[in-house]
Protein backbone atom coordinates (compact mmCIF):
# COMPACT_ATOMS: atom_id res chain seq x y z
CA UNK A 1 0.00 0.00 0.00
CA UNK A 2 1.23 3.48 -0.88
CA UNK A 3 2.58 6.10 1.49
CA UNK A 4 1.77 9.78 1.01
CA UNK A 5 3.85 12.89 1.70
CA UNK A 6 2.14 16.28 1.44
CA UNK A 7 4.29 19.36 0.80
CA UNK A 8 2.77 22.75 1.67
CA UNK A 9 4.34 26.19 1.68
CA UNK A 10 4.39 29.14 4.04
CA UNK A 11 5.35 32.83 4.14
CA UNK A 12 5.27 33.48 0.37
CA UNK A 13 4.78 31.93 -3.05
CA UNK A 14 7.73 30.64 -5.09
CA UNK A 15 9.38 29.48 -1.87
CA UNK A 16 10.50 26.25 -3.54
CA UNK A 17 7.69 23.75 -2.92
CA UNK A 18 8.02 22.26 -6.40
CA UNK A 19 11.76 21.74 -6.12
CA UNK A 20 11.34 20.33 -2.60
CA UNK A 21 8.62 17.93 -3.79
CA UNK A 22 10.75 16.75 -6.71
CA UNK A 23 13.79 16.38 -4.46
CA UNK A 24 11.95 14.33 -1.80
CA UNK A 25 10.60 12.10 -4.57
CA UNK A 26 14.10 11.71 -6.04
CA UNK A 27 15.59 10.78 -2.66
CA UNK A 28 12.98 8.05 -2.17
CA UNK A 29 13.46 6.80 -5.73
CA UNK A 30 17.20 6.49 -5.10
CA UNK A 31 16.41 4.36 -2.07
CA UNK A 32 14.66 1.84 -4.31
CA UNK A 33 11.02 2.89 -3.97
CA UNK A 34 8.54 3.45 -6.80
CA UNK A 35 7.55 7.11 -6.61
CA UNK A 36 5.41 9.66 -8.41
CA UNK A 37 4.35 13.22 -7.69
CA UNK A 38 1.09 15.18 -7.88
CA UNK A 39 0.55 18.93 -8.12
CA UNK A 40 -2.59 20.44 -6.62
CA UNK A 41 -3.31 23.93 -7.92
CA UNK A 42 -5.92 26.12 -6.21
CA UNK A 43 -7.01 28.06 -9.30
CA UNK A 44 -10.48 27.62 -10.81
CA UNK A 45 -9.03 27.04 -14.30
CA UNK A 46 -9.54 23.45 -15.36
CA UNK A 47 -5.94 23.42 -16.62
CA UNK A 48 -3.08 25.85 -17.25
CA UNK A 49 -3.68 26.11 -20.99
CA UNK A 50 -5.55 29.42 -21.03
CA UNK A 51 -3.29 31.34 -18.64
CA UNK A 52 -0.80 34.08 -19.49
CA UNK A 53 2.78 32.73 -19.19
CA UNK A 54 4.04 36.01 -17.72
CA UNK A 55 1.53 35.67 -14.89
CA UNK A 56 1.57 31.91 -14.42
CA UNK A 57 4.85 30.75 -15.94
CA UNK A 58 5.32 28.07 -18.54
CA UNK A 59 2.50 25.71 -19.42
CA UNK A 60 3.94 22.20 -19.32
CA UNK A 61 2.43 19.52 -21.57
CA UNK A 62 2.43 15.78 -20.88
CA UNK A 63 2.40 12.93 -23.42
CA UNK A 64 -1.37 12.61 -23.13
CA UNK A 65 -1.86 16.29 -23.94
CA UNK A 66 -2.56 17.67 -20.46
CA UNK A 67 -1.71 21.37 -20.14
CA UNK A 68 -0.49 21.73 -16.59
CA UNK A 69 1.68 23.59 -14.12
CA UNK A 70 5.41 23.86 -14.76
CA UNK A 71 6.12 21.94 -11.54
CA UNK A 72 5.18 18.73 -13.35
CA UNK A 73 8.16 19.45 -15.57
CA UNK A 74 10.38 19.44 -12.49
CA UNK A 75 8.88 16.15 -11.34
CA UNK A 76 9.56 14.55 -14.73
CA UNK A 77 13.11 15.91 -14.88
CA UNK A 78 14.01 14.76 -11.36
CA UNK A 79 12.34 11.35 -11.55
CA UNK A 80 13.04 10.66 -15.24
CA UNK A 81 9.46 9.45 -15.73
CA UNK A 82 6.50 10.51 -17.87
CA UNK A 83 3.50 11.91 -16.01
CA UNK A 84 -0.10 12.21 -17.18
CA UNK A 85 -3.36 14.01 -16.55
CA UNK A 86 -3.71 12.02 -13.30
CA UNK A 87 -0.78 13.94 -11.80
CA UNK A 88 -2.44 17.34 -12.18
CA UNK A 89 -5.29 18.39 -9.86
CA UNK A 90 -6.94 21.82 -9.96
CA UNK A 91 -9.89 23.33 -8.15
CA UNK A 92 -11.60 23.64 -11.52
CA UNK A 93 -11.15 19.94 -12.29
CA UNK A 94 -12.30 18.83 -8.86
CA UNK A 95 -15.49 20.92 -8.84
CA UNK A 96 -16.21 20.01 -12.46
CA UNK A 97 -15.94 16.31 -11.61
CA UNK A 98 -18.09 16.52 -8.49
CA UNK A 99 -20.80 18.50 -10.28
CA UNK A 100 -20.80 16.03 -13.19
CA UNK A 101 -21.11 13.09 -10.80
CA UNK A 102 -24.00 14.84 -9.06
CA UNK A 103 -25.73 15.35 -12.42
CA UNK A 104 -25.25 11.63 -13.10
CA UNK A 105 -26.95 10.72 -9.78
CA UNK A 106 -23.75 9.11 -8.50
CA UNK A 107 -24.43 10.52 -5.02
CA UNK A 108 -27.72 8.60 -4.81
CA UNK A 109 -29.84 11.72 -4.43
CA UNK A 110 -28.23 13.01 -1.22
CA UNK A 111 -27.16 16.59 -0.59
CA UNK A 112 -23.69 17.20 -2.12
CA UNK A 113 -21.60 19.45 0.13
CA UNK A 114 -18.29 21.27 -0.16
CA UNK A 115 -17.07 19.28 2.86
CA UNK A 116 -16.59 16.36 2.71
CA UNK A 117 -17.35 15.83 -1.02
CA UNK A 118 -14.72 18.15 -2.49
CA UNK A 119 -11.89 16.82 -0.24
CA UNK A 120 -13.07 13.27 -0.94
CA UNK A 121 -12.74 13.89 -4.68
CA UNK A 122 -9.17 15.14 -4.11
CA UNK A 123 -8.39 12.01 -2.09
CA UNK A 124 -9.93 9.80 -4.77
CA UNK A 125 -7.67 11.36 -7.40
CA UNK A 126 -4.53 11.01 -5.29
CA UNK A 127 -5.29 7.37 -4.52
CA UNK A 128 -5.92 6.71 -8.22
CA UNK A 129 -2.33 7.79 -8.98
CA UNK A 130 -1.01 5.38 -6.34
CA UNK A 131 -3.13 2.46 -7.51
CA UNK A 132 -2.55 2.91 -11.25
CA UNK A 133 1.21 2.27 -11.03
CA UNK A 134 1.18 0.34 -7.70
CA UNK A 135 3.43 2.97 -6.14
CA UNK A 136 5.28 2.93 -2.85
CA UNK A 137 5.10 6.72 -2.51
CA UNK A 138 3.09 9.63 -3.85
CA UNK A 139 4.49 13.07 -3.01
CA UNK A 140 1.79 15.74 -3.26
CA UNK A 141 2.53 19.45 -3.61
CA UNK A 142 -0.26 21.76 -2.41
CA UNK A 143 -0.11 25.02 -4.36
CA UNK A 144 -0.41 28.40 -2.72
CA UNK A 145 0.48 29.33 0.86
CA UNK A 146 -0.95 28.03 4.13
CA UNK A 147 -3.46 30.49 5.53
CA UNK A 148 -4.93 31.31 2.13
CA UNK A 149 -8.62 30.67 1.61
CA UNK A 150 -7.95 29.08 -1.79
CA UNK A 151 -6.16 25.96 -0.60
CA UNK A 152 -8.11 25.25 2.60
CA UNK A 153 -10.04 22.40 0.97
CA UNK A 154 -6.83 20.75 -0.17
CA UNK A 155 -5.39 20.98 3.32
CA UNK A 156 -8.66 19.49 4.54
CA UNK A 157 -8.17 16.61 2.09
CA UNK A 158 -4.66 16.08 3.45
CA UNK A 159 -5.98 16.11 7.04
CA UNK A 160 -8.65 13.56 6.13
CA UNK A 161 -6.05 11.32 4.48
CA UNK A 162 -4.04 11.38 7.70
CA UNK A 163 -7.15 10.16 9.56
CA UNK A 164 -7.69 7.47 6.95
CA UNK A 165 -4.05 6.29 6.86
CA UNK A 166 -2.53 7.47 10.17
CA UNK A 167 0.71 5.51 9.71
CA UNK A 168 1.18 6.24 6.02
CA UNK A 169 0.88 10.02 5.70
CA UNK A 170 3.50 12.70 6.44
CA UNK A 171 3.52 16.48 6.09
CA UNK A 172 6.38 18.78 5.11
CA UNK A 173 6.12 22.55 5.43
CA UNK A 174 8.44 24.65 3.25
CA UNK A 175 8.89 28.12 4.76
CA UNK A 176 11.11 31.12 4.25
CA UNK A 177 13.46 32.58 6.88
CA UNK A 178 14.41 36.14 5.91
CA UNK A 179 17.67 37.76 6.93
CA UNK A 180 17.17 41.50 7.31
CA UNK A 181 20.36 43.19 6.14
CA UNK A 182 20.21 46.13 8.53
CA UNK A 183 19.85 43.74 11.48
CA UNK A 184 21.99 40.90 10.17
CA UNK A 185 19.92 38.18 11.84
CA UNK A 186 17.87 35.36 10.34
CA UNK A 187 14.29 35.59 11.59
CA UNK A 188 12.13 32.55 12.46
CA UNK A 189 8.85 34.34 13.23
CA UNK A 190 7.41 33.97 9.67
CA UNK A 191 8.05 30.21 9.96
CA UNK A 192 6.39 30.08 13.37
CA UNK A 193 3.35 31.89 11.94
CA UNK A 194 3.15 29.52 8.96
CA UNK A 195 3.36 26.50 11.27
CA UNK A 196 0.57 27.89 13.45
CA UNK A 197 -1.62 28.50 10.38
CA UNK A 198 -1.04 24.90 9.32
CA UNK A 199 -2.02 23.78 12.83
CA UNK A 200 -5.27 25.74 12.45
CA UNK A 201 -6.05 23.48 9.47
CA UNK A 202 -5.72 20.50 11.78
CA UNK A 203 -2.27 19.52 10.51
CA UNK A 204 0.99 19.22 12.42
CA UNK A 205 4.08 19.32 10.21
CA UNK A 206 6.39 16.30 10.47
CA UNK A 207 9.19 18.25 8.77
CA UNK A 208 9.94 21.92 8.34
CA UNK A 209 12.16 22.75 5.38
CA UNK A 210 13.73 26.12 6.13
CA UNK A 211 14.41 28.07 2.93
CA UNK A 212 16.95 30.83 3.40
CA UNK A 213 19.84 32.54 1.66
CA UNK A 214 22.28 30.60 3.85
CA UNK A 215 22.10 27.30 5.82
CA UNK A 216 20.15 27.30 9.09
CA UNK A 217 22.33 27.34 12.20
CA UNK A 218 21.62 25.40 15.42
CA UNK A 219 20.04 28.33 17.35
CA UNK A 220 17.52 28.84 14.54
CA UNK A 221 16.77 25.11 14.33
CA UNK A 222 16.24 24.93 18.11
CA UNK A 223 13.88 27.88 18.01
CA UNK A 224 11.82 26.38 15.19
CA UNK A 225 11.78 23.04 17.01
CA UNK A 226 10.53 24.62 20.21
CA UNK A 227 7.84 26.87 18.76
CA UNK A 228 6.64 24.60 15.95
CA UNK A 229 6.58 21.29 17.90
CA UNK A 230 9.00 19.57 15.54
CA UNK A 231 11.99 17.42 16.50
CA UNK A 232 15.16 19.41 15.85
CA UNK A 233 16.34 16.58 13.54
CA UNK A 234 13.26 17.25 11.41
CA UNK A 235 14.10 20.91 10.88
CA UNK A 236 15.83 20.66 7.52
CA UNK A 237 18.06 23.39 6.18
CA UNK A 238 17.24 24.35 2.58
CA UNK A 239 19.64 27.16 1.59
CA UNK A 240 19.85 28.85 -1.81
CA UNK A 241 21.86 26.89 -4.32
CA UNK A 242 23.20 27.63 -7.80
CA UNK A 243 21.39 24.59 -9.21
CA UNK A 244 18.09 23.01 -8.16
CA UNK A 245 19.62 19.61 -8.95
CA UNK A 246 21.77 19.96 -5.84
CA UNK A 247 18.74 20.11 -3.54
CA UNK A 248 18.35 16.31 -3.10
CA UNK A 249 21.98 16.04 -1.98
CA UNK A 250 21.53 19.00 0.38
CA UNK A 251 18.49 17.30 1.92
CA UNK A 252 20.37 14.02 2.27
CA UNK A 253 23.21 15.83 4.06
CA UNK A 254 20.53 16.80 6.59
CA UNK A 255 19.36 13.17 6.78
CA UNK A 256 15.87 13.83 5.38
CA UNK A 257 15.50 10.52 3.54
CA UNK A 258 16.32 8.35 6.53
CA UNK A 259 14.09 10.46 8.80
CA UNK A 260 11.16 9.89 6.43
CA UNK A 261 11.74 6.13 6.40
CA UNK A 262 12.15 6.01 10.18
CA UNK A 263 8.82 7.75 10.76
CA UNK A 264 7.10 5.33 8.38
CA UNK A 265 8.98 2.31 9.77
CA UNK A 266 10.49 1.46 6.38
CA UNK A 267 13.96 0.42 5.28
CA UNK A 268 15.98 1.39 2.24
CA UNK A 269 15.36 -1.14 -0.55
CA UNK A 270 18.58 -0.38 -2.41
CA UNK A 271 21.31 2.23 -2.42
CA UNK A 272 21.27 4.42 -5.52
CA UNK A 273 21.94 7.98 -6.57
CA UNK A 274 25.43 7.58 -8.02
CA UNK A 275 24.28 8.88 -11.41
CA UNK A 276 22.89 11.98 -9.68
CA UNK A 277 26.17 12.58 -7.85
CA UNK A 278 28.04 12.33 -11.16
CA UNK A 279 25.66 14.91 -12.60
CA UNK A 280 26.48 17.34 -9.79
CA UNK A 281 30.20 16.80 -10.39
CA UNK A 282 29.72 17.74 -14.04
CA UNK A 283 27.76 20.82 -13.02
CA UNK A 284 30.49 21.88 -10.59
CA UNK A 285 33.42 21.19 -12.95
CA UNK A 286 35.26 24.53 -13.11
CA UNK A 287 37.21 23.52 -16.22
CA UNK A 288 34.15 23.72 -18.48
CA UNK A 289 34.27 26.40 -21.17
CA UNK A 290 31.38 28.84 -21.36
CA UNK A 291 28.83 28.56 -24.14
CA UNK A 292 26.65 31.64 -24.73
CA UNK A 293 23.09 30.98 -25.82
CA UNK A 294 20.67 33.80 -26.57
CA UNK A 295 16.90 33.32 -26.27
CA UNK A 296 14.88 35.75 -28.40
CA UNK A 297 11.52 35.96 -26.63
CA UNK A 298 8.75 38.19 -25.33
CA UNK A 299 7.42 36.49 -22.19
CA UNK A 300 10.17 37.42 -19.76
CA UNK A 301 9.67 41.19 -19.43
CA UNK A 302 7.53 42.35 -16.51
CA UNK A 303 8.23 45.94 -15.53
CA UNK A 304 11.82 46.07 -14.34
CA UNK A 305 12.06 42.30 -13.84
CA UNK A 306 12.88 39.32 -16.02
CA UNK A 307 10.58 36.36 -15.36
CA UNK A 308 12.43 33.31 -16.66
CA UNK A 309 9.69 30.87 -15.55
CA UNK A 310 7.94 31.50 -18.87
CA UNK A 311 10.66 29.46 -20.61
CA UNK A 312 11.78 27.19 -17.77
CA UNK A 313 11.86 23.95 -19.81
CA UNK A 314 13.93 25.62 -22.55
CA UNK A 315 16.39 26.89 -19.95
CA UNK A 316 16.71 23.47 -18.32
CA UNK A 317 17.11 21.70 -21.68
CA UNK A 318 19.99 24.04 -22.55
CA UNK A 319 21.64 23.28 -19.21
CA UNK A 320 21.23 19.51 -19.55
CA UNK A 321 22.86 19.48 -22.99
CA UNK A 322 25.58 21.95 -22.07
CA UNK A 323 26.66 19.82 -19.12
CA UNK A 324 26.57 16.69 -21.30
CA UNK A 325 28.91 18.49 -23.75
CA UNK A 326 31.17 19.60 -20.89
CA UNK A 327 30.15 23.23 -21.31
CA UNK A 328 29.05 25.89 -18.85
CA UNK A 329 25.76 27.39 -20.07
CA UNK A 330 25.54 31.18 -20.11
CA UNK A 331 21.94 31.97 -21.05
CA UNK A 332 20.92 35.52 -21.90
CA UNK A 333 17.57 37.12 -22.79
CA UNK A 334 17.11 39.11 -25.97
CA UNK A 335 13.92 41.14 -26.35
CA UNK A 336 12.16 40.44 -29.64
CA UNK A 337 10.41 43.79 -29.36
CA UNK A 338 13.71 45.64 -29.02
CA UNK A 339 14.98 44.00 -32.22
CA UNK A 340 11.69 44.91 -33.88
CA UNK A 341 11.94 48.60 -32.96
CA UNK A 342 15.71 49.16 -33.41
CA UNK A 343 17.09 48.21 -36.82
CA UNK A 344 20.63 47.91 -35.44
CA UNK A 345 19.73 45.82 -32.38
CA UNK A 346 19.82 42.51 -34.27
CA UNK A 347 23.62 42.73 -34.64
CA UNK A 348 23.91 41.79 -30.96
CA UNK A 349 23.29 38.18 -32.06
CA UNK A 350 26.85 37.90 -33.36
CA UNK A 351 28.03 37.77 -29.73
CA UNK A 352 26.36 34.38 -29.14
CA UNK A 353 27.39 30.82 -29.91
CA UNK A 354 23.77 29.89 -30.65
CA UNK A 355 20.30 31.43 -30.80
CA UNK A 356 16.94 29.92 -29.81
CA UNK A 357 13.56 31.34 -30.82
CA UNK A 358 11.00 29.63 -28.54
CA UNK A 359 7.23 29.21 -28.76
CA UNK A 360 4.55 31.80 -28.14
CA UNK A 361 1.20 33.17 -29.24
CA UNK A 362 0.06 36.35 -30.96
CA UNK A 363 1.77 38.85 -33.25
CA UNK A 364 3.62 40.90 -30.62
CA UNK A 365 7.37 40.71 -31.20
CA UNK A 366 7.11 38.37 -34.20
CA UNK A 367 8.76 40.77 -36.66
CA UNK A 368 11.70 41.05 -34.27
CA UNK A 369 11.96 37.27 -34.11
CA UNK A 370 11.86 37.07 -37.92
CA UNK A 371 14.73 39.57 -38.10
CA UNK A 372 16.71 37.43 -35.64
CA UNK A 373 16.08 34.29 -37.70
CA UNK A 374 17.18 36.04 -40.90
CA UNK A 375 20.38 37.20 -39.19
CA UNK A 376 21.15 33.64 -37.99
CA UNK A 377 20.48 32.22 -41.47
CA UNK A 378 22.70 34.71 -43.27
CA UNK A 379 25.50 34.78 -40.71
CA UNK A 380 25.67 31.00 -40.12
CA UNK A 381 24.88 31.30 -36.41
CA UNK A 382 23.56 27.97 -34.99
CA UNK A 383 19.80 28.36 -34.70
CA UNK A 384 17.06 26.29 -33.06
CA UNK A 385 13.42 27.28 -33.55
CA UNK A 386 10.69 25.85 -31.32
CA UNK A 387 6.99 25.78 -32.31
CA UNK A 388 6.30 29.44 -33.21
CA UNK A 389 10.05 29.59 -33.88
CA UNK A 390 9.55 27.11 -36.74
CA UNK A 391 6.56 28.96 -38.15
CA UNK A 392 8.50 32.22 -38.20
CA UNK A 393 11.51 30.50 -39.80
CA UNK A 394 9.20 29.34 -42.62
CA UNK A 395 7.82 32.88 -43.02
CA UNK A 396 11.33 34.37 -43.08
CA UNK A 397 12.47 31.88 -45.73
CA UNK A 398 9.37 32.54 -47.85
CA UNK A 399 9.83 36.31 -47.68
CA UNK A 400 13.57 36.60 -48.16
CA UNK A 401 14.49 33.53 -50.22
CA UNK A 402 11.29 32.76 -52.16
CA UNK A 403 10.38 36.46 -52.59
CA UNK A 404 6.84 36.09 -51.13
CA UNK A 405 7.03 39.50 -49.49
CA UNK A 406 3.63 39.32 -47.78
CA UNK A 407 4.19 35.81 -46.39
CA UNK A 408 2.72 35.50 -42.90
CA UNK A 409 0.45 33.42 -40.65
CA UNK A 410 -3.32 33.63 -40.44
CA UNK A 411 -2.80 33.92 -36.70
CA UNK A 412 -1.41 37.42 -37.34
CA UNK A 413 -3.37 38.33 -40.50
CA UNK A 414 -6.53 36.20 -40.91
CA UNK A 415 -7.26 37.57 -44.41
CA UNK A 416 -3.70 37.34 -45.80
CA UNK A 417 -3.24 36.25 -49.43
CA UNK A 418 -0.04 34.35 -48.55
CA UNK A 419 -0.84 32.10 -45.57
CA UNK A 420 2.42 30.18 -45.20
CA UNK A 421 1.13 29.14 -41.78
CA UNK A 422 -2.55 28.35 -41.42
CA UNK A 423 -5.13 26.53 -39.31
CA UNK A 424 -6.05 22.92 -39.98
CA UNK A 425 -9.68 22.52 -41.06
CA UNK A 426 -10.73 21.00 -37.72
CA UNK A 427 -9.10 23.92 -35.88
CA UNK A 428 -11.05 26.42 -37.99
CA UNK A 429 -14.28 24.92 -36.65
CA UNK A 430 -12.94 25.08 -33.08
CA UNK A 431 -11.97 28.75 -33.42
CA UNK A 432 -15.31 29.63 -35.00
CA UNK A 433 -17.06 28.29 -31.92
CA UNK A 434 -14.62 30.04 -29.52
CA UNK A 435 -13.47 26.77 -27.96
CA UNK A 436 -9.98 27.57 -26.76
CA UNK A 437 -9.33 25.30 -23.76
CA UNK A 438 -7.55 21.99 -24.53
CA UNK A 439 -8.39 22.26 -28.26
CA UNK A 440 -4.92 22.68 -29.80
CA UNK A 441 -2.76 19.92 -31.25
CA UNK A 442 -1.59 18.62 -27.89
CA UNK A 443 0.56 15.85 -26.48
CA UNK A 444 2.71 13.28 -28.26
CA UNK A 445 2.57 12.96 -32.05
CA UNK A 446 4.68 10.69 -34.25
CA UNK A 447 7.27 12.05 -36.65
CA UNK A 448 9.16 10.28 -39.45
CA UNK A 449 12.62 11.80 -39.91
CA UNK A 450 14.24 12.11 -43.34
CA UNK A 451 17.49 10.16 -43.64
CA UNK A 452 20.68 12.14 -44.11
CA UNK A 453 19.44 15.22 -42.23
CA UNK A 454 20.98 16.86 -39.17
CA UNK A 455 17.88 15.71 -37.29
CA UNK A 456 18.51 12.07 -38.17
CA UNK A 457 22.10 12.47 -37.05
CA UNK A 458 20.93 13.95 -33.74
CA UNK A 459 18.17 11.43 -33.01
CA UNK A 460 20.02 8.40 -34.43
CA UNK A 461 16.61 6.98 -35.43
CA UNK A 462 13.98 7.63 -38.05
CA UNK A 463 10.76 7.34 -36.03
CA UNK A 464 10.23 9.59 -33.02
CA UNK A 465 7.40 10.96 -30.88
CA UNK A 466 7.37 14.52 -29.53
CA UNK A 467 5.03 16.74 -27.53
CA UNK A 468 3.02 19.52 -29.14
CA UNK A 469 1.06 22.57 -28.08
CA UNK A 470 -0.06 24.71 -31.00
CA UNK A 471 -2.94 25.42 -33.34
CA UNK A 472 -1.36 26.68 -36.58
CA UNK A 473 0.53 24.51 -39.11
CA UNK A 474 2.85 24.68 -42.11
CA UNK A 475 0.68 25.18 -45.21
CA UNK A 476 1.52 22.32 -47.57
CA UNK A 477 0.33 24.38 -50.58
CA UNK A 478 3.74 26.09 -50.43
CA UNK A 479 5.75 22.93 -49.89
CA UNK A 480 7.08 22.46 -53.43
CA UNK A 481 8.05 26.11 -53.85
CA UNK A 482 9.98 26.30 -50.57
CA UNK A 483 11.79 22.99 -51.05
CA UNK A 484 12.75 23.98 -54.60
CA UNK A 485 14.53 27.00 -53.12
CA UNK A 486 16.51 24.91 -50.64
CA UNK A 487 14.31 24.37 -47.58
CA UNK A 488 14.72 20.83 -46.26
CA UNK A 489 11.74 19.04 -44.73
CA UNK A 490 13.48 17.06 -42.00
CA UNK A 491 10.44 15.39 -40.46
CA UNK A 492 6.75 14.82 -41.13
CA UNK A 493 3.83 13.45 -39.14
CA UNK A 494 2.82 10.39 -41.19
CA UNK A 495 -0.83 10.35 -40.14
CA UNK A 496 -1.77 13.88 -41.26
CA UNK A 497 1.23 14.74 -43.47
CA UNK A 498 2.08 17.71 -41.24
CA UNK A 499 5.55 19.26 -41.43
CA UNK A 500 7.30 18.78 -38.10
CA UNK A 501 10.95 19.70 -38.81
CA UNK A 502 12.63 22.07 -41.27
CA UNK A 503 16.36 22.47 -41.92
CA UNK A 504 18.81 24.29 -44.16
CA UNK A 505 21.62 22.48 -45.95
CA UNK A 506 24.47 24.99 -46.21
CA UNK A 507 24.43 25.98 -42.55
CA UNK A 508 26.26 24.54 -39.53
CA UNK A 509 22.98 24.08 -37.62
CA UNK A 510 19.66 25.57 -38.69
CA UNK A 511 16.76 23.47 -37.41
CA UNK A 512 13.24 24.49 -36.45
CA UNK A 513 10.59 22.13 -35.12
CA UNK A 514 6.83 22.38 -34.73
CA UNK A 515 6.95 20.47 -31.44
CA UNK A 516 8.49 21.23 -28.03
CA UNK A 517 11.57 19.03 -27.54
CA UNK A 518 12.44 20.90 -24.34
CA UNK A 519 9.53 19.17 -22.58
CA UNK A 520 11.25 15.77 -22.83
CA UNK A 521 14.76 16.79 -21.80
CA UNK A 522 16.08 15.37 -18.52
CA UNK A 523 19.32 16.13 -16.63
CA UNK A 524 20.37 12.48 -16.89
CA UNK A 525 19.00 12.16 -20.44
CA UNK A 526 19.37 15.41 -22.43
CA UNK A 527 17.22 15.84 -25.51
CA UNK A 528 19.12 14.84 -28.69
CA UNK A 529 18.24 18.00 -30.64
CA UNK A 530 19.43 20.30 -27.86
CA UNK A 531 22.51 18.12 -27.39
CA UNK A 532 23.42 18.40 -31.08
CA UNK A 533 22.65 22.14 -31.08
CA UNK A 534 25.01 22.75 -28.15
CA UNK A 535 27.66 20.47 -29.70
CA UNK A 536 27.68 22.45 -32.97
CA UNK A 537 27.35 25.83 -31.23
CA UNK A 538 30.36 24.88 -29.08
CA UNK A 539 32.51 24.58 -32.17
């Protein structure tokens, strides 16, 4: 029977619950247990597909097409497993399910109430994850911050699970301990308040993970232990680190894994983790040469801040492949809108070893991205286009090589006479009826790779499957014209004859793909396209 560990957060958002959840799961996996992770999000949205990436961060997509929170990406990267729709729970999904069951008379005509029926639905979904893969552990991250109204029902579900399985459920509270510069002392009061708020939900933390800029010292641990009713050995230091992949080792230094097993009266099944330790050694190798990669995007600017969460999977995929190529990744942001407005700004691209144009929606910044792609094509700078990046590469080639000056996408100009990128017929019907949620080409789709291409060299196989999240496609009406001018079709979906990969011949590395390869990259298993991109860029 499965064991369950709930991870909640206190003091503020973005305190590191997702990384802590992934790290706990990784520690248990390295001890020989079968483990998965679940993210509970308190928003009413059914999924993350309709949310602004600047506000919410990247929308991660699973093989089965679920649009979900970026934390599921962390779980997949740490555990090296593929997750599904079962691993994503939202308030919207839970209420939608309960209401549908009520409409179907599955409650036998009784009054359906917020408590206990909503928490029971949450519990049912968590247990379904455990049963489906016969897991030893499910680690559940509760989104938001303790004390918020939004996640009270999820905390109630966790409390009820503890009653149901008193010897198989643990709670970890991730809190922040600020150090006020003018005082020079790390303060525990916010952690004490968070612990008390968790107690008010009927939950006593088994572990407190103290996030701070530096490691927790003994006086701070004693204070937390005293005021939060936690054994001092269960106050775990979680200091800032230059790589999230070091967090499992930091936790193990504090003895977290063994403390979890001791509380649950379990023993380590096997000793693992050597591959993870080797990864950290590669990350820390000071002899690696830098490799500078520029990302031309539009979802990272928010006032005076850069919000890199919008492209988190791209960033991690670059890191994975850089480390595998014994390189130190230096990733820099280039504003597509700046390139669009300043005709001389595009020349900055010559300072980079490689350029990536990632996915996105809407026309804002697209002309700047097209300028960047043209510069990479003409100046032989290694280029990787992702999703929208491929569509814009096609438009750039059509305009500047095939002389179709008004080439564009119907996403930007619905009435254009030169729709190089257009909707599929089934998507036209969807758009006409204003059905936007979960209606794109989503999840894993097959691709047949053309032999002799850079893509075939990178993948080392001819049949692949990659994850998608888009609505517009390469218009095959222009296929013959573009290929006659030198565009290489590197990969095609065999079922619908959709172009998935384009390349250029006389270029060190110019590849653009309709899918999102970054979603399948793992630190111990970098994605082959990113790996080849970094390899060539490094030369």
